[in-house]
Amino acid sequence: MAHASDTLPDVPLTYTPASGVPYNLTMAKSPVSIGGYTVDADNYNGSYMPRIWFARAGQSLRFNLINHLDGEASNFHSHGMI
């Protein structure tokens, strides 16, 4: 049985309001509580759970990726793009 402290928060959702609207994504480490433990974890805009973006066919998504991981290289990748 899962306890309240063992569950992950809901995933934030974004519905794209207009084609080509840029989203700023800042990568950084911050304390995150998971299963009753606090760890320093990589996150986007202060959220451990990654955001999900929805767009209509033909819309463009633009991202400004800002890396504050103290000298660590990183990348941005996606899932479910058709």
C-alpha atoms as a PDB file:
ATOM      1  CA  MET A   1       0.000   0.000   0.000  1.00  0.00           C
ATOM      2  CA  ALA A   2       1.369   3.439  -0.930  1.00  0.00           C
ATOM      3  CA  HIS A   3       1.538   6.086   1.760  1.00  0.00           C
ATOM      4  CA  ALA A   4       0.989   9.788   1.090  1.00  0.00           C
ATOM      5  CA  SER A   5       4.733  10.387   1.493  1.00  0.00           C
ATOM      6  CA  ASP A   6       5.483   7.724  -1.168  1.00  0.00           C
ATOM      7  CA  THR A   7       3.450   9.309  -3.965  1.00  0.00           C
ATOM      8  CA  LEU A   8       4.819  11.690  -6.557  1.00  0.00           C
ATOM      9  CA  PRO A   9       3.115  15.033  -7.221  1.00  0.00           C
ATOM     10  CA  ASP A  10       0.847  15.536 -10.212  1.00  0.00           C
ATOM     11  CA  VAL A  11       2.616  16.284 -13.485  1.00  0.00           C
ATOM     12  CA  PRO A  12       2.233  19.955 -14.522  1.00  0.00           C
ATOM     13  CA  LEU A  13       0.458  20.381 -17.875  1.00  0.00           C
ATOM     14  CA  THR A  14       0.797  23.230 -20.388  1.00  0.00           C
ATOM     15  CA  TYR A  15      -1.564  23.778 -23.297  1.00  0.00           C
ATOM     16  CA  THR A  16       0.212  25.800 -25.980  1.00  0.00           C
ATOM     17  CA  PRO A  17      -1.679  29.097 -26.428  1.00  0.00           C
ATOM     18  CA  ALA A  18      -0.030  30.148 -29.698  1.00  0.00           C
ATOM     19  CA  SER A  19       2.415  28.747 -32.208  1.00  0.00           C
ATOM     20  CA  GLY A  20       6.051  29.607 -31.531  1.00  0.00           C
ATOM     21  CA  VAL A  21       5.577  30.998 -28.004  1.00  0.00           C
ATOM     22  CA  PRO A  22       8.937  30.467 -26.263  1.00  0.00           C
ATOM     23  CA  TYR A  23       9.140  28.672 -22.920  1.00  0.00           C
ATOM     24  CA  ASN A  24      12.081  29.306 -20.612  1.00  0.00           C
ATOM     25  CA  LEU A  25      13.372  26.122 -18.997  1.00  0.00           C
ATOM     26  CA  THR A  26      15.952  26.606 -16.262  1.00  0.00           C
ATOM     27  CA  MET A  27      17.803  23.462 -15.198  1.00  0.00           C
ATOM     28  CA  ALA A  28      19.163  23.492 -11.642  1.00  0.00           C
ATOM     29  CA  LYS A  29      19.612  21.323  -8.558  1.00  0.00           C
ATOM     30  CA  SER A  30      17.354  21.818  -5.557  1.00  0.00           C
ATOM     31  CA  PRO A  31      16.169  19.790  -2.568  1.00  0.00           C
ATOM     32  CA  VAL A  32      13.266  17.453  -3.392  1.00  0.00           C
ATOM     33  CA  SER A  33      11.294  15.270  -0.981  1.00  0.00           C
ATOM     34  CA  ILE A  34      10.629  11.778  -2.357  1.00  0.00           C
ATOM     35  CA  GLY A  35       9.283   8.925  -0.248  1.00  0.00           C
ATOM     36  CA  GLY A  36      10.117  10.707   2.977  1.00  0.00           C
ATOM     37  CA  TYR A  37      13.708  11.427   1.939  1.00  0.00           C
ATOM     38  CA  THR A  38      15.142  14.765   0.850  1.00  0.00           C
ATOM     39  CA  VAL A  39      17.697  14.660  -1.963  1.00  0.00           C
ATOM     40  CA  ASP A  40      19.319  17.234  -4.250  1.00  0.00           C
ATOM     41  CA  ALA A  41      17.851  16.525  -7.678  1.00  0.00           C
ATOM     42  CA  ASP A  42      18.076  18.023 -11.153  1.00  0.00           C
ATOM     43  CA  ASN A  43      14.871  19.830 -12.052  1.00  0.00           C
ATOM     44  CA  TYR A  44      13.279  22.199 -14.554  1.00  0.00           C
ATOM     45  CA  ASN A  45      11.966  25.522 -13.224  1.00  0.00           C
ATOM     46  CA  GLY A  46      12.070  24.194  -9.658  1.00  0.00           C
ATOM     47  CA  SER A  47       9.851  21.177 -10.386  1.00  0.00           C
ATOM     48  CA  TYR A  48      11.140  17.626 -10.043  1.00  0.00           C
ATOM     49  CA  MET A  49       8.265  16.284 -12.140  1.00  0.00           C
ATOM     50  CA  PRO A  50       8.798  17.298 -15.765  1.00  0.00           C
ATOM     51  CA  ARG A  51       6.144  19.404 -17.428  1.00  0.00           C
ATOM     52  CA  ILE A  52       4.028  18.032 -20.285  1.00  0.00           C
ATOM     53  CA  TRP A  53       3.302  20.321 -23.237  1.00  0.00           C
ATOM     54  CA  PHE A  54       0.309  19.887 -25.522  1.00  0.00           C
ATOM     55  CA  ALA A  55       0.223  21.424 -28.995  1.00  0.00           C
ATOM     56  CA  ARG A  56      -2.131  21.147 -31.933  1.00  0.00           C
ATOM     57  CA  ALA A  57      -1.036  19.811 -35.306  1.00  0.00           C
ATOM     58  CA  GLY A  58       1.017  22.465 -37.097  1.00  0.00           C
ATOM     59  CA  GLN A  59       1.924  24.432 -33.948  1.00  0.00           C
ATOM     60  CA  SER A  60       5.576  25.076 -33.155  1.00  0.00           C
ATOM     61  CA  LEU A  61       7.109  24.814 -29.692  1.00  0.00           C
ATOM     62  CA  ARG A  62      10.202  26.895 -28.858  1.00  0.00           C
ATOM     63  CA  PHE A  63      12.313  26.431 -25.735  1.00  0.00           C
ATOM     64  CA  ASN A  64      15.066  28.556 -24.216  1.00  0.00           C
ATOM     65  CA  LEU A  65      17.200  26.119 -22.206  1.00  0.00           C
ATOM     66  CA  ILE A  66      19.118  27.781 -19.358  1.00  0.00           C
ATOM     67  CA  ASN A  67      21.632  25.502 -17.633  1.00  0.00           C
ATOM     68  CA  HIS A  68      22.411  26.310 -13.974  1.00  0.00           C
ATOM     69  CA  LEU A  69      23.866  22.879 -13.162  1.00  0.00           C
ATOM     70  CA  ASP A  70      27.230  24.328 -12.044  1.00  0.00           C
ATOM     71  CA  GLY A  71      29.385  23.270 -14.980  1.00  0.00           C
ATOM     72  CA  GLU A  72      27.528  20.042 -15.775  1.00  0.00           C
ATOM     73  CA  ALA A  73      26.626  19.487 -19.392  1.00  0.00           C
ATOM     74  CA  SER A  74      23.022  18.609 -20.063  1.00  0.00           C
ATOM     75  CA  ASN A  75      20.517  18.187 -22.865  1.00  0.00           C
ATOM     76  CA  PHE A  76      16.823  18.435 -23.557  1.00  0.00           C
ATOM     77  CA  HIS A  77      14.968  15.508 -25.032  1.00  0.00           C
ATOM     78  CA  SER A  78      11.330  14.673 -25.585  1.00  0.00           C
ATOM     79  CA  HIS A  79       9.032  11.682 -25.711  1.00  0.00           C
ATOM     80  CA  GLY A  80       5.837  11.104 -27.656  1.00  0.00           C
ATOM     81  CA  MET A  81       6.496  13.586 -30.469  1.00  0.00           C
ATOM     82  CA  ILE A  82       4.864  12.520 -33.702  1.00  0.00           C
END
